[in-house]
Amino acid sequence: MKEFVANCDVCLKPIFCLDGFFNGVKTDGGRVTCFECNEKEEKQNGS
């Protein structure tokens, strides 16, 4: 099953829930990002 959840807050790519797995990252602040944007932000922040 594929369900739309939200758009990435950075690149606006649609993020889906695929068979119960959320295909993105939700931060404590409520932001939703795709894996690619999350990875880029972590590299920029030195995490």
N, C-alpha and C. Protein backbone atom coordinates (compact mmCIF):
# COMPACT_ATOMS: atom_id res chain seq x y z
N MET A 1 0.84 -1.18 0.00
CA MET A 1 0.00 0.00 0.00
C MET A 1 0.89 1.24 0.00
N LYS A 2 0.51 2.24 -0.77
CA LYS A 2 1.25 3.48 -0.89
C LYS A 2 0.31 4.63 -0.56
N GLU A 3 0.65 5.38 0.51
CA GLU A 3 -0.19 6.50 0.94
C GLU A 3 0.63 7.78 0.98
N PHE A 4 0.13 8.84 0.37
CA PHE A 4 0.79 10.15 0.45
C PHE A 4 0.71 10.66 1.88
N VAL A 5 1.84 11.17 2.40
CA VAL A 5 1.87 11.71 3.75
C VAL A 5 2.05 13.22 3.73
N ALA A 6 3.10 13.68 3.03
CA ALA A 6 3.40 15.12 3.00
C ALA A 6 4.41 15.39 1.89
N ASN A 7 4.68 16.66 1.66
CA ASN A 7 5.76 17.05 0.75
C ASN A 7 6.97 17.42 1.60
N CYS A 8 8.16 17.16 1.07
CA CYS A 8 9.40 17.53 1.75
C CYS A 8 9.40 19.05 1.95
N ASP A 9 9.75 19.49 3.15
CA ASP A 9 9.78 20.93 3.44
C ASP A 9 10.91 21.65 2.72
N VAL A 10 11.88 20.90 2.18
CA VAL A 10 13.01 21.51 1.49
C VAL A 10 12.81 21.50 -0.03
N CYS A 11 12.64 20.31 -0.63
CA CYS A 11 12.57 20.21 -2.09
C CYS A 11 11.15 20.00 -2.63
N LEU A 12 10.19 19.86 -1.74
CA LEU A 12 8.77 19.69 -2.07
C LEU A 12 8.44 18.34 -2.74
N LYS A 13 9.37 17.40 -2.71
CA LYS A 13 9.13 16.06 -3.24
C LYS A 13 8.06 15.37 -2.39
N PRO A 14 7.10 14.69 -3.01
CA PRO A 14 6.09 13.98 -2.23
C PRO A 14 6.71 12.82 -1.44
N ILE A 15 6.28 12.69 -0.19
CA ILE A 15 6.77 11.62 0.68
C ILE A 15 5.59 10.70 0.98
N PHE A 16 5.83 9.41 0.85
CA PHE A 16 4.78 8.42 1.01
C PHE A 16 5.08 7.48 2.17
N CYS A 17 4.03 6.85 2.65
CA CYS A 17 4.12 5.74 3.58
C CYS A 17 3.97 4.49 2.70
N LEU A 18 5.00 3.64 2.68
CA LEU A 18 4.98 2.44 1.85
C LEU A 18 4.87 1.22 2.73
N ASP A 19 3.73 0.56 2.70
CA ASP A 19 3.48 -0.65 3.50
C ASP A 19 3.82 -0.44 4.97
N GLY A 20 3.44 0.72 5.52
CA GLY A 20 3.65 1.00 6.94
C GLY A 20 4.99 1.64 7.26
N PHE A 21 5.84 1.85 6.27
CA PHE A 21 7.15 2.47 6.48
C PHE A 21 7.12 3.89 5.97
N PHE A 22 7.35 4.87 6.87
CA PHE A 22 7.38 6.27 6.49
C PHE A 22 8.67 6.54 5.73
N ASN A 23 8.56 6.95 4.50
CA ASN A 23 9.69 7.10 3.59
C ASN A 23 10.28 8.51 3.67
N GLY A 24 10.55 8.98 4.89
CA GLY A 24 11.11 10.31 5.10
C GLY A 24 11.52 10.46 6.55
N VAL A 25 11.79 11.71 6.95
CA VAL A 25 12.24 12.00 8.31
C VAL A 25 11.37 13.11 8.89
N LYS A 26 10.86 12.89 10.10
CA LYS A 26 10.12 13.94 10.80
C LYS A 26 10.95 14.37 12.00
N THR A 27 11.25 15.66 12.08
CA THR A 27 12.08 16.17 13.17
C THR A 27 11.22 16.50 14.38
N ASP A 28 11.88 16.75 15.51
CA ASP A 28 11.17 17.12 16.73
C ASP A 28 10.41 18.43 16.55
N GLY A 29 10.91 19.29 15.67
CA GLY A 29 10.26 20.57 15.41
C GLY A 29 9.07 20.46 14.47
N GLY A 30 8.79 19.24 13.97
CA GLY A 30 7.64 19.04 13.11
C GLY A 30 7.93 19.12 11.62
N ARG A 31 9.18 19.37 11.24
CA ARG A 31 9.54 19.41 9.82
C ARG A 31 9.53 18.00 9.25
N VAL A 32 9.14 17.90 7.99
CA VAL A 32 9.15 16.62 7.29
C VAL A 32 10.07 16.79 6.09
N THR A 33 11.09 15.93 5.99
CA THR A 33 12.02 16.00 4.86
C THR A 33 12.22 14.61 4.28
N CYS A 34 12.60 14.58 3.00
CA CYS A 34 12.94 13.31 2.37
C CYS A 34 14.32 12.89 2.87
N PHE A 35 14.68 11.65 2.65
CA PHE A 35 15.96 11.14 3.11
C PHE A 35 17.13 11.92 2.50
N GLU A 36 17.02 12.27 1.22
CA GLU A 36 18.11 12.97 0.54
C GLU A 36 18.37 14.35 1.15
N CYS A 37 17.32 15.12 1.37
CA CYS A 37 17.47 16.46 1.96
C CYS A 37 17.95 16.36 3.40
N ASN A 38 17.47 15.38 4.13
CA ASN A 38 17.90 15.20 5.50
C ASN A 38 19.40 14.90 5.56
N GLU A 39 19.86 14.05 4.65
CA GLU A 39 21.28 13.70 4.60
C GLU A 39 22.14 14.94 4.26
N LYS A 40 21.69 15.75 3.30
CA LYS A 40 22.42 16.96 2.93
C LYS A 40 22.49 17.93 4.11
N GLU A 41 21.39 18.09 4.84
CA GLU A 41 21.37 19.00 5.99
C GLU A 41 22.30 18.51 7.10
N GLU A 42 22.34 17.19 7.31
CA GLU A 42 23.22 16.64 8.34
C GLU A 42 24.68 16.89 7.98
N LYS A 43 25.03 16.74 6.70
CA LYS A 43 26.41 17.00 6.27
C LYS A 43 26.76 18.47 6.43
N GLN A 44 25.82 19.35 6.12
CA GLN A 44 26.07 20.80 6.26
C GLN A 44 26.24 21.20 7.72
N ASN A 45 25.50 20.53 8.61
CA ASN A 45 25.56 20.86 10.04
C ASN A 45 26.67 20.11 10.76
N GLY A 46 27.37 19.25 10.05
CA GLY A 46 28.47 18.51 10.65
C GLY A 46 28.06 17.39 11.57
N SER A 47 26.85 16.90 11.44
CA SER A 47 26.37 15.81 12.31
C SER A 47 26.76 14.48 11.77
